[in-house]
């Protein structure tokens, strides 16, 4: 393999930075749009008690916002960790990342459906189904990133691929868990979505199955130097 020159290295880094910045922007917009569905209540007559009651009635929307924000946030953390392992991009990675971002950008809509119709199984099923689709898109993206190891930084441990793939199963299992919880009660599905992901992730980290979100992946000390 021909060694990369400084120009080649700078070009690869520029393309990867563009892809990362674009992805971060989509995540930021999707997470911000979650709050749009929480509207200020209207009062026919000004009343302290009336405003309090209407604010309390919005509780499903508050919890739906929190749970969906955390769900998308976990995807962003995983995406951030994954792209931190890469040294360059490819056409396959560009397209798989685009399809993944499509799923991310659509997420506020099923989140709004869930918050509005959390008492209906169709609303719960729709949200959980899209969460599963998002999890599968993330799984495909991870496979594209690790394909043949040609996009990775020098010194990235092969074990990280298995860890990321196992970690990608969390939202898929979470979607199934939330679907079952939704068949029990509206409150159960909101609790499952809010606490299920962190609990599953913590359990897997104790077993060493997924990378810790607070630690950088192991790479060589000279990986960032184009001269090496």
C-alpha atoms as a PDB file:
ATOM      1  CA  UNK A   1       0.000   0.000   0.000  1.00  0.00           C
ATOM      2  CA  UNK A   2       1.279   3.463  -0.949  1.00  0.00           C
ATOM      3  CA  UNK A   3       1.870   5.715   2.020  1.00  0.00           C
ATOM      4  CA  UNK A   4      -0.309   8.815   2.182  1.00  0.00           C
ATOM      5  CA  UNK A   5       1.292  12.185   1.584  1.00  0.00           C
ATOM      6  CA  UNK A   6       0.519  15.224   3.702  1.00  0.00           C
ATOM      7  CA  UNK A   7      -1.923  16.436   1.035  1.00  0.00           C
ATOM      8  CA  UNK A   8      -3.750  13.090   0.963  1.00  0.00           C
ATOM      9  CA  UNK A   9      -3.986  13.023   4.748  1.00  0.00           C
ATOM     10  CA  UNK A  10      -5.340  16.583   4.878  1.00  0.00           C
ATOM     11  CA  UNK A  11      -7.965  15.768   2.213  1.00  0.00           C
ATOM     12  CA  UNK A  12      -9.148  12.661   4.060  1.00  0.00           C
ATOM     13  CA  UNK A  13      -9.348  14.596   7.317  1.00  0.00           C
ATOM     14  CA  UNK A  14     -11.313  17.406   5.636  1.00  0.00           C
ATOM     15  CA  UNK A  15     -13.854  15.001   4.142  1.00  0.00           C
ATOM     16  CA  UNK A  16     -14.308  13.225   7.459  1.00  0.00           C
ATOM     17  CA  UNK A  17     -14.766  16.532   9.291  1.00  0.00           C
ATOM     18  CA  UNK A  18     -17.440  17.633   6.799  1.00  0.00           C
ATOM     19  CA  UNK A  19     -19.323  14.385   7.296  1.00  0.00           C
ATOM     20  CA  UNK A  20     -19.043  14.651  11.081  1.00  0.00           C
ATOM     21  CA  UNK A  21     -20.200  18.285  11.188  1.00  0.00           C
ATOM     22  CA  UNK A  22     -23.167  17.506   8.923  1.00  0.00           C
ATOM     23  CA  UNK A  23     -24.159  14.545  11.088  1.00  0.00           C
ATOM     24  CA  UNK A  24     -23.897  16.607  14.275  1.00  0.00           C
ATOM     25  CA  UNK A  25     -26.158  19.249  12.722  1.00  0.00           C
ATOM     26  CA  UNK A  26     -28.855  16.682  11.896  1.00  0.00           C
ATOM     27  CA  UNK A  27     -28.704  15.280  15.425  1.00  0.00           C
ATOM     28  CA  UNK A  28     -28.944  18.779  16.915  1.00  0.00           C
ATOM     29  CA  UNK A  29     -31.955  19.709  14.784  1.00  0.00           C
ATOM     30  CA  UNK A  30     -33.758  16.426  15.500  1.00  0.00           C
ATOM     31  CA  UNK A  31     -33.223  16.777  19.256  1.00  0.00           C
ATOM     32  CA  UNK A  32     -34.370  20.400  19.189  1.00  0.00           C
ATOM     33  CA  UNK A  33     -37.539  19.596  17.227  1.00  0.00           C
ATOM     34  CA  UNK A  34     -38.678  17.305  20.036  1.00  0.00           C
ATOM     35  CA  UNK A  35     -39.652  20.315  22.153  1.00  0.00           C
ATOM     36  CA  UNK A  36     -41.765  21.849  19.372  1.00  0.00           C
ATOM     37  CA  UNK A  37     -44.605  19.434  20.134  1.00  0.00           C
ATOM     38  CA  UNK A  38     -44.991  20.785  23.666  1.00  0.00           C
ATOM     39  CA  UNK A  39     -47.303  23.773  23.248  1.00  0.00           C
ATOM     40  CA  UNK A  40     -48.082  26.453  25.804  1.00  0.00           C
ATOM     41  CA  UNK A  41     -51.603  25.675  27.082  1.00  0.00           C
ATOM     42  CA  UNK A  42     -54.395  28.094  26.185  1.00  0.00           C
ATOM     43  CA  UNK A  43     -56.755  29.308  28.904  1.00  0.00           C
ATOM     44  CA  UNK A  44     -60.293  30.456  28.050  1.00  0.00           C
ATOM     45  CA  UNK A  45     -60.266  32.280  31.394  1.00  0.00           C
ATOM     46  CA  UNK A  46     -57.174  33.301  33.324  1.00  0.00           C
ATOM     47  CA  UNK A  47     -56.964  30.996  36.314  1.00  0.00           C
ATOM     48  CA  UNK A  48     -54.114  29.775  38.493  1.00  0.00           C
ATOM     49  CA  UNK A  49     -55.820  26.426  38.991  1.00  0.00           C
ATOM     50  CA  UNK A  50     -56.706  26.092  35.315  1.00  0.00           C
ATOM     51  CA  UNK A  51     -53.118  26.724  34.212  1.00  0.00           C
ATOM     52  CA  UNK A  52     -51.804  24.259  36.794  1.00  0.00           C
ATOM     53  CA  UNK A  53     -54.187  21.539  35.614  1.00  0.00           C
ATOM     54  CA  UNK A  54     -53.270  22.054  31.973  1.00  0.00           C
ATOM     55  CA  UNK A  55     -49.552  21.966  32.755  1.00  0.00           C
ATOM     56  CA  UNK A  56     -50.029  18.703  34.644  1.00  0.00           C
ATOM     57  CA  UNK A  57     -52.021  17.292  31.729  1.00  0.00           C
ATOM     58  CA  UNK A  58     -48.956  17.812  29.561  1.00  0.00           C
ATOM     59  CA  UNK A  59     -46.980  15.334  31.673  1.00  0.00           C
ATOM     60  CA  UNK A  60     -46.957  12.623  28.939  1.00  0.00           C
ATOM     61  CA  UNK A  61     -45.407  15.179  26.590  1.00  0.00           C
ATOM     62  CA  UNK A  62     -42.726  16.095  29.143  1.00  0.00           C
ATOM     63  CA  UNK A  63     -41.782  12.469  29.682  1.00  0.00           C
ATOM     64  CA  UNK A  64     -41.994  11.728  25.952  1.00  0.00           C
ATOM     65  CA  UNK A  65     -39.614  14.612  25.254  1.00  0.00           C
ATOM     66  CA  UNK A  66     -37.163  13.466  27.923  1.00  0.00           C
ATOM     67  CA  UNK A  67     -37.167   9.823  26.845  1.00  0.00           C
ATOM     68  CA  UNK A  68     -36.834  10.627  23.125  1.00  0.00           C
ATOM     69  CA  UNK A  69     -34.099  13.189  23.816  1.00  0.00           C
ATOM     70  CA  UNK A  70     -32.141  10.553  25.722  1.00  0.00           C
ATOM     71  CA  UNK A  71     -32.724   7.951  23.000  1.00  0.00           C
ATOM     72  CA  UNK A  72     -31.419  10.230  20.248  1.00  0.00           C
ATOM     73  CA  UNK A  73     -28.656  11.397  22.585  1.00  0.00           C
ATOM     74  CA  UNK A  74     -27.441   7.823  23.008  1.00  0.00           C
ATOM     75  CA  UNK A  75     -27.323   7.430  19.243  1.00  0.00           C
ATOM     76  CA  UNK A  76     -25.273  10.624  19.014  1.00  0.00           C
ATOM     77  CA  UNK A  77     -22.804   9.407  21.651  1.00  0.00           C
ATOM     78  CA  UNK A  78     -22.381   6.105  19.776  1.00  0.00           C
ATOM     79  CA  UNK A  79     -21.999   7.972  16.463  1.00  0.00           C
ATOM     80  CA  UNK A  80     -19.413  10.300  18.033  1.00  0.00           C
ATOM     81  CA  UNK A  81     -17.418   7.358  19.379  1.00  0.00           C
ATOM     82  CA  UNK A  82     -17.592   5.500  16.064  1.00  0.00           C
ATOM     83  CA  UNK A  83     -16.392   8.422  13.950  1.00  0.00           C
ATOM     84  CA  UNK A  84     -13.594   9.049  16.436  1.00  0.00           C
ATOM     85  CA  UNK A  85     -12.110   5.749  15.267  1.00  0.00           C
ATOM     86  CA  UNK A  86     -12.086   6.685  11.582  1.00  0.00           C
ATOM     87  CA  UNK A  87      -9.260   8.074   9.487  1.00  0.00           C
ATOM     88  CA  UNK A  88     -11.148   8.629   6.222  1.00  0.00           C
ATOM     89  CA  UNK A  89     -14.510   8.184   4.506  1.00  0.00           C
ATOM     90  CA  UNK A  90     -15.831   6.077   1.623  1.00  0.00           C
ATOM     91  CA  UNK A  91     -18.812   6.187  -0.710  1.00  0.00           C
ATOM     92  CA  UNK A  92     -20.422   3.309   1.169  1.00  0.00           C
ATOM     93  CA  UNK A  93     -19.960   5.102   4.488  1.00  0.00           C
ATOM     94  CA  UNK A  94     -21.430   8.323   3.066  1.00  0.00           C
ATOM     95  CA  UNK A  95     -24.606   6.599   1.897  1.00  0.00           C
ATOM     96  CA  UNK A  96     -25.105   4.429   4.974  1.00  0.00           C
ATOM     97  CA  UNK A  97     -24.585   7.487   7.178  1.00  0.00           C
ATOM     98  CA  UNK A  98     -27.103   9.440   5.068  1.00  0.00           C
ATOM     99  CA  UNK A  99     -29.736   6.717   5.481  1.00  0.00           C
ATOM    100  CA  UNK A 100     -29.016   6.586   9.208  1.00  0.00           C
ATOM    101  CA  UNK A 101     -29.481  10.361   9.465  1.00  0.00           C
ATOM    102  CA  UNK A 102     -32.771  10.033   7.568  1.00  0.00           C
ATOM    103  CA  UNK A 103     -33.995   7.775  10.354  1.00  0.00           C
ATOM    104  CA  UNK A 104     -32.712  10.224  12.975  1.00  0.00           C
ATOM    105  CA  UNK A 105     -34.384  13.217  11.302  1.00  0.00           C
ATOM    106  CA  UNK A 106     -37.756  11.410  11.198  1.00  0.00           C
ATOM    107  CA  UNK A 107     -37.617  10.473  14.883  1.00  0.00           C
ATOM    108  CA  UNK A 108     -39.418  13.604  16.207  1.00  0.00           C
ATOM    109  CA  UNK A 109     -42.602  12.555  14.388  1.00  0.00           C
ATOM    110  CA  UNK A 110     -43.062   9.128  16.017  1.00  0.00           C
ATOM    111  CA  UNK A 111     -42.017  10.786  19.283  1.00  0.00           C
ATOM    112  CA  UNK A 112     -44.889  13.278  18.869  1.00  0.00           C
ATOM    113  CA  UNK A 113     -47.302  10.440  18.034  1.00  0.00           C
ATOM    114  CA  UNK A 114     -46.226   8.553  21.158  1.00  0.00           C
ATOM    115  CA  UNK A 115     -46.618  11.600  23.423  1.00  0.00           C
ATOM    116  CA  UNK A 116     -50.076  12.377  22.024  1.00  0.00           C
ATOM    117  CA  UNK A 117     -51.423   8.830  21.837  1.00  0.00           C
ATOM    118  CA  UNK A 118     -49.375   6.986  24.455  1.00  0.00           C
ATOM    119  CA  UNK A 119     -52.573   5.323  25.697  1.00  0.00           C
ATOM    120  CA  UNK A 120     -53.110   3.676  22.279  1.00  0.00           C
ATOM    121  CA  UNK A 121     -51.200   0.576  21.244  1.00  0.00           C
ATOM    122  CA  UNK A 122     -50.909   1.788  17.655  1.00  0.00           C
ATOM    123  CA  UNK A 123     -49.069   4.914  18.830  1.00  0.00           C
ATOM    124  CA  UNK A 124     -46.711   2.866  21.000  1.00  0.00           C
ATOM    125  CA  UNK A 125     -46.155   0.315  18.232  1.00  0.00           C
ATOM    126  CA  UNK A 126     -45.387   3.009  15.669  1.00  0.00           C
ATOM    127  CA  UNK A 127     -42.760   4.613  17.894  1.00  0.00           C
ATOM    128  CA  UNK A 128     -41.157   1.308  18.858  1.00  0.00           C
ATOM    129  CA  UNK A 129     -41.098   0.146  15.237  1.00  0.00           C
ATOM    130  CA  UNK A 130     -39.241   3.283  14.144  1.00  0.00           C
ATOM    131  CA  UNK A 131     -36.849   2.990  17.070  1.00  0.00           C
ATOM    132  CA  UNK A 132     -36.051  -0.513  15.821  1.00  0.00           C
ATOM    133  CA  UNK A 133     -35.538   0.807  12.269  1.00  0.00           C
ATOM    134  CA  UNK A 134     -33.163   3.442  13.652  1.00  0.00           C
ATOM    135  CA  UNK A 135     -31.279   0.759  15.558  1.00  0.00           C
ATOM    136  CA  UNK A 136     -30.922  -1.384  12.430  1.00  0.00           C
ATOM    137  CA  UNK A 137     -29.705   1.619  10.406  1.00  0.00           C
ATOM    138  CA  UNK A 138     -27.105   2.247  13.105  1.00  0.00           C
ATOM    139  CA  UNK A 139     -26.021  -1.395  12.906  1.00  0.00           C
ATOM    140  CA  UNK A 140     -25.526  -1.120   9.138  1.00  0.00           C
ATOM    141  CA  UNK A 141     -23.522   2.086   9.621  1.00  0.00           C
ATOM    142  CA  UNK A 142     -21.187   0.390  12.107  1.00  0.00           C
ATOM    143  CA  UNK A 143     -20.585  -2.483   9.696  1.00  0.00           C
ATOM    144  CA  UNK A 144     -19.761  -0.003   6.930  1.00  0.00           C
ATOM    145  CA  UNK A 145     -17.326   1.864   9.172  1.00  0.00           C
ATOM    146  CA  UNK A 146     -15.441  -1.289  10.137  1.00  0.00           C
ATOM    147  CA  UNK A 147     -15.607  -2.909   6.682  1.00  0.00           C
ATOM    148  CA  UNK A 148     -12.186  -4.431   5.895  1.00  0.00           C
ATOM    149  CA  UNK A 149     -10.589  -1.988   8.359  1.00  0.00           C
ATOM    150  CA  UNK A 150      -9.625   0.410   5.562  1.00  0.00           C
ATOM    151  CA  UNK A 151     -11.278   3.449   7.155  1.00  0.00           C
ATOM    152  CA  UNK A 152      -9.915   3.021  10.671  1.00  0.00           C
ATOM    153  CA  UNK A 153      -7.128   4.891  12.372  1.00  0.00           C
ATOM    154  CA  UNK A 154      -3.909   2.939  12.948  1.00  0.00           C
ATOM    155  CA  UNK A 155      -3.881   0.970  16.168  1.00  0.00           C
ATOM    156  CA  UNK A 156      -7.657   0.625  16.637  1.00  0.00           C
ATOM    157  CA  UNK A 157      -8.317  -2.627  18.462  1.00  0.00           C
ATOM    158  CA  UNK A 158     -10.316  -5.241  16.467  1.00  0.00           C
ATOM    159  CA  UNK A 159     -12.270  -5.950  19.649  1.00  0.00           C
ATOM    160  CA  UNK A 160     -13.905  -2.531  19.314  1.00  0.00           C
ATOM    161  CA  UNK A 161     -15.894  -3.713  16.302  1.00  0.00           C
ATOM    162  CA  UNK A 162     -17.511  -6.481  18.332  1.00  0.00           C
ATOM    163  CA  UNK A 163     -18.153  -4.051  21.183  1.00  0.00           C
ATOM    164  CA  UNK A 164     -19.831  -1.508  18.903  1.00  0.00           C
ATOM    165  CA  UNK A 165     -21.932  -4.170  17.222  1.00  0.00           C
ATOM    166  CA  UNK A 166     -23.124  -5.480  20.573  1.00  0.00           C
ATOM    167  CA  UNK A 167     -23.799  -1.939  21.741  1.00  0.00           C
ATOM    168  CA  UNK A 168     -25.869  -1.350  18.588  1.00  0.00           C
ATOM    169  CA  UNK A 169     -28.286  -4.008  19.792  1.00  0.00           C
ATOM    170  CA  UNK A 170     -29.327  -1.830  22.759  1.00  0.00           C
ATOM    171  CA  UNK A 171     -31.907   0.313  20.880  1.00  0.00           C
ATOM    172  CA  UNK A 172     -33.288  -2.750  19.133  1.00  0.00           C
ATOM    173  CA  UNK A 173     -33.841  -4.509  22.453  1.00  0.00           C
ATOM    174  CA  UNK A 174     -35.113  -1.237  23.908  1.00  0.00           C
ATOM    175  CA  UNK A 175     -37.741  -0.977  21.182  1.00  0.00           C
ATOM    176  CA  UNK A 176     -38.968  -4.485  21.931  1.00  0.00           C
ATOM    177  CA  UNK A 177     -38.954  -3.794  25.679  1.00  0.00           C
ATOM    178  CA  UNK A 178     -40.942  -0.590  25.202  1.00  0.00           C
ATOM    179  CA  UNK A 179     -43.438  -2.390  22.968  1.00  0.00           C
ATOM    180  CA  UNK A 180     -44.082  -5.008  25.651  1.00  0.00           C
ATOM    181  CA  UNK A 181     -44.278  -2.299  28.328  1.00  0.00           C
ATOM    182  CA  UNK A 182     -46.786  -0.407  26.203  1.00  0.00           C
ATOM    183  CA  UNK A 183     -49.093  -3.368  26.284  1.00  0.00           C
ATOM    184  CA  UNK A 184     -49.115  -3.068  30.093  1.00  0.00           C
ATOM    185  CA  UNK A 185     -49.656   0.656  30.652  1.00  0.00           C
ATOM    186  CA  UNK A 186     -48.769   4.073  29.174  1.00  0.00           C
ATOM    187  CA  UNK A 187     -46.585   4.870  32.174  1.00  0.00           C
ATOM    188  CA  UNK A 188     -44.650   1.623  31.762  1.00  0.00           C
ATOM    189  CA  UNK A 189     -43.604   2.430  28.192  1.00  0.00           C
ATOM    190  CA  UNK A 190     -42.375   5.903  29.174  1.00  0.00           C
ATOM    191  CA  UNK A 191     -40.387   4.471  32.080  1.00  0.00           C
ATOM    192  CA  UNK A 192     -38.921   1.773  29.816  1.00  0.00           C
ATOM    193  CA  UNK A 193     -37.835   4.315  27.205  1.00  0.00           C
ATOM    194  CA  UNK A 194     -36.327   6.650  29.788  1.00  0.00           C
ATOM    195  CA  UNK A 195     -34.479   4.119  31.943  1.00  0.00           C
ATOM    196  CA  UNK A 196     -34.172   1.036  29.735  1.00  0.00           C
ATOM    197  CA  UNK A 197     -31.310   2.266  27.539  1.00  0.00           C
ATOM    198  CA  UNK A 198     -28.998   3.439  30.337  1.00  0.00           C
ATOM    199  CA  UNK A 199     -29.668   0.293  32.375  1.00  0.00           C
ATOM    200  CA  UNK A 200     -28.991  -2.047  29.447  1.00  0.00           C
ATOM    201  CA  UNK A 201     -25.856  -0.100  28.548  1.00  0.00           C
ATOM    202  CA  UNK A 202     -24.598  -0.154  32.128  1.00  0.00           C
ATOM    203  CA  UNK A 203     -25.154  -3.907  32.348  1.00  0.00           C
ATOM    204  CA  UNK A 204     -23.206  -4.489  29.141  1.00  0.00           C
ATOM    205  CA  UNK A 205     -20.362  -2.190  30.224  1.00  0.00           C
ATOM    206  CA  UNK A 206     -19.948  -4.174  33.439  1.00  0.00           C
ATOM    207  CA  UNK A 207     -19.382  -7.211  31.257  1.00  0.00           C
ATOM    208  CA  UNK A 208     -16.994  -5.300  28.996  1.00  0.00           C
ATOM    209  CA  UNK A 209     -19.314  -5.656  26.022  1.00  0.00           C
ATOM    210  CA  UNK A 210     -19.596  -2.030  24.934  1.00  0.00           C
ATOM    211  CA  UNK A 211     -17.152   0.889  25.069  1.00  0.00           C
ATOM    212  CA  UNK A 212     -17.547   3.292  27.952  1.00  0.00           C
ATOM    213  CA  UNK A 213     -18.971   6.594  26.663  1.00  0.00           C
ATOM    214  CA  UNK A 214     -16.673   8.473  29.005  1.00  0.00           C
ATOM    215  CA  UNK A 215     -13.447   7.006  27.653  1.00  0.00           C
ATOM    216  CA  UNK A 216     -11.677   7.435  24.334  1.00  0.00           C
ATOM    217  CA  UNK A 217     -11.011   4.274  22.288  1.00  0.00           C
ATOM    218  CA  UNK A 218      -7.473   2.884  22.366  1.00  0.00           C
ATOM    219  CA  UNK A 219      -5.376   4.109  19.425  1.00  0.00           C
ATOM    220  CA  UNK A 220      -1.709   4.621  18.811  1.00  0.00           C
ATOM    221  CA  UNK A 221       0.007   7.754  20.051  1.00  0.00           C
ATOM    222  CA  UNK A 222       1.145   8.827  16.572  1.00  0.00           C
ATOM    223  CA  UNK A 223      -2.142   8.302  14.721  1.00  0.00           C
ATOM    224  CA  UNK A 224      -2.804  12.029  14.298  1.00  0.00           C
ATOM    225  CA  UNK A 225       0.602  12.759  12.725  1.00  0.00           C
ATOM    226  CA  UNK A 226       0.487  12.637   8.914  1.00  0.00           C
ATOM    227  CA  UNK A 227       4.224  12.142   8.780  1.00  0.00           C
ATOM    228  CA  UNK A 228       3.872   8.634  10.256  1.00  0.00           C
END
